[in-house]
C-alpha atoms as a PDB file:
ATOM      1  CA  UNK A   1       4.787  14.371   4.024  1.00  0.00           C
ATOM      2  CA  UNK A   2       7.948  15.842   2.672  1.00  0.00           C
ATOM      3  CA  UNK A   3       9.418  12.760   1.039  1.00  0.00           C
ATOM      4  CA  UNK A   4       8.577  10.940  -2.148  1.00  0.00           C
ATOM      5  CA  UNK A   5       8.891   7.224  -2.584  1.00  0.00           C
ATOM      6  CA  UNK A   6       7.732   4.884  -5.274  1.00  0.00           C
ATOM      7  CA  UNK A   7       6.448   1.352  -4.836  1.00  0.00           C
ATOM      8  CA  UNK A   8       7.255  -0.826  -7.813  1.00  0.00           C
ATOM      9  CA  UNK A   9       5.306  -4.020  -8.357  1.00  0.00           C
ATOM     10  CA  UNK A  10       6.574  -6.210 -11.157  1.00  0.00           C
ATOM     11  CA  UNK A  11       3.757  -8.234 -12.688  1.00  0.00           C
ATOM     12  CA  UNK A  12       4.882 -11.302 -14.542  1.00  0.00           C
ATOM     13  CA  UNK A  13       3.942 -14.949 -14.935  1.00  0.00           C
ATOM     14  CA  UNK A  14       5.629 -15.882 -11.648  1.00  0.00           C
ATOM     15  CA  UNK A  15       3.696 -13.283  -9.655  1.00  0.00           C
ATOM     16  CA  UNK A  16       1.805 -14.774  -6.738  1.00  0.00           C
ATOM     17  CA  UNK A  17      -1.598 -13.112  -6.724  1.00  0.00           C
ATOM     18  CA  UNK A  18      -2.086 -13.833  -3.038  1.00  0.00           C
ATOM     19  CA  UNK A  19       0.997 -11.834  -2.083  1.00  0.00           C
ATOM     20  CA  UNK A  20       0.709  -8.821   0.161  1.00  0.00           C
ATOM     21  CA  UNK A  21       2.972  -5.889  -0.519  1.00  0.00           C
ATOM     22  CA  UNK A  22       3.520  -3.464   2.347  1.00  0.00           C
ATOM     23  CA  UNK A  23       5.718  -0.400   2.604  1.00  0.00           C
ATOM     24  CA  UNK A  24       6.182   1.859   5.615  1.00  0.00           C
ATOM     25  CA  UNK A  25       7.269   5.473   5.201  1.00  0.00           C
ATOM     26  CA  UNK A  26       8.447   7.546   8.165  1.00  0.00           C
ATOM     27  CA  UNK A  27       7.923  11.290   8.251  1.00  0.00           C
ATOM     28  CA  UNK A  28      10.819  12.368  10.443  1.00  0.00           C
ATOM     29  CA  UNK A  29       9.369  15.801  11.189  1.00  0.00           C
ATOM     30  CA  UNK A  30       5.975  14.730  12.514  1.00  0.00           C
ATOM     31  CA  UNK A  31       6.947  11.214  13.554  1.00  0.00           C
ATOM     32  CA  UNK A  32       4.037   9.717  11.653  1.00  0.00           C
ATOM     33  CA  UNK A  33       4.304   6.485   9.735  1.00  0.00           C
ATOM     34  CA  UNK A  34       2.442   6.066   6.467  1.00  0.00           C
ATOM     35  CA  UNK A  35       1.576   2.425   5.844  1.00  0.00           C
ATOM     36  CA  UNK A  36       0.667   1.389   2.315  1.00  0.00           C
ATOM     37  CA  UNK A  37      -0.445  -2.204   1.824  1.00  0.00           C
ATOM     38  CA  UNK A  38      -1.546  -3.781  -1.442  1.00  0.00           C
ATOM     39  CA  UNK A  39      -3.418  -7.080  -1.558  1.00  0.00           C
ATOM     40  CA  UNK A  40      -3.796  -8.834  -4.880  1.00  0.00           C
ATOM     41  CA  UNK A  41      -7.172 -10.563  -4.641  1.00  0.00           C
ATOM     42  CA  UNK A  42      -7.103 -11.888  -8.193  1.00  0.00           C
ATOM     43  CA  UNK A  43      -6.008 -10.770 -11.629  1.00  0.00           C
ATOM     44  CA  UNK A  44      -8.712  -8.118 -11.809  1.00  0.00           C
ATOM     45  CA  UNK A  45      -8.870  -6.838  -8.244  1.00  0.00           C
ATOM     46  CA  UNK A  46      -6.335  -5.022  -6.122  1.00  0.00           C
ATOM     47  CA  UNK A  47      -7.155  -3.823  -2.624  1.00  0.00           C
ATOM     48  CA  UNK A  48      -5.098  -0.838  -1.537  1.00  0.00           C
ATOM     49  CA  UNK A  49      -5.123   0.303   2.074  1.00  0.00           C
ATOM     50  CA  UNK A  50      -3.478   3.501   3.228  1.00  0.00           C
ATOM     51  CA  UNK A  51      -3.203   4.226   6.934  1.00  0.00           C
ATOM     52  CA  UNK A  52      -1.374   6.814   8.986  1.00  0.00           C
ATOM     53  CA  UNK A  53       0.030   5.893  12.377  1.00  0.00           C
ATOM     54  CA  UNK A  54       1.337   8.571  14.691  1.00  0.00           C
ATOM     55  CA  UNK A  55       3.818   8.113  17.509  1.00  0.00           C
ATOM     56  CA  UNK A  56       0.898   7.923  19.924  1.00  0.00           C
ATOM     57  CA  UNK A  57      -1.425   4.953  20.263  1.00  0.00           C
ATOM     58  CA  UNK A  58      -4.084   6.427  18.009  1.00  0.00           C
ATOM     59  CA  UNK A  59      -4.248   5.072  14.488  1.00  0.00           C
ATOM     60  CA  UNK A  60      -6.705   6.056  11.817  1.00  0.00           C
ATOM     61  CA  UNK A  61      -7.276   4.951   8.281  1.00  0.00           C
ATOM     62  CA  UNK A  62      -7.314   7.884   5.929  1.00  0.00           C
ATOM     63  CA  UNK A  63      -8.427   5.990   2.892  1.00  0.00           C
ATOM     64  CA  UNK A  64      -9.523   2.530   1.879  1.00  0.00           C
ATOM     65  CA  UNK A  65      -9.940   1.935  -1.820  1.00  0.00           C
ATOM     66  CA  UNK A  66     -10.796  -0.927  -4.053  1.00  0.00           C
ATOM     67  CA  UNK A  67      -9.369  -0.475  -7.505  1.00  0.00           C
ATOM     68  CA  UNK A  68     -10.403  -2.625 -10.431  1.00  0.00           C
ATOM     69  CA  UNK A  69      -7.860  -2.982 -13.168  1.00  0.00           C
ATOM     70  CA  UNK A  70      -7.179  -5.466 -15.913  1.00  0.00           C
ATOM     71  CA  UNK A  71      -3.648  -6.779 -16.270  1.00  0.00           C
ATOM     72  CA  UNK A  72      -2.229  -8.166 -19.472  1.00  0.00           C
ATOM     73  CA  UNK A  73       0.340 -10.869 -18.844  1.00  0.00           C
END
């Protein structure tokens, strides 16, 4: 993709750990949509899912990761 975007997630005491954050990025040249979704399972576990959807019906998931990280609040 030829564009850069940043997803900012502010972690504070009011953060709802069950929230789902999703951002869609459109590549205007290829017509593909990059979908990035972040699920906060609990304070130590984030599930990040990255999928690419083209203009056709076919959709594939390029990467599914589980990242463990400790947050200090």
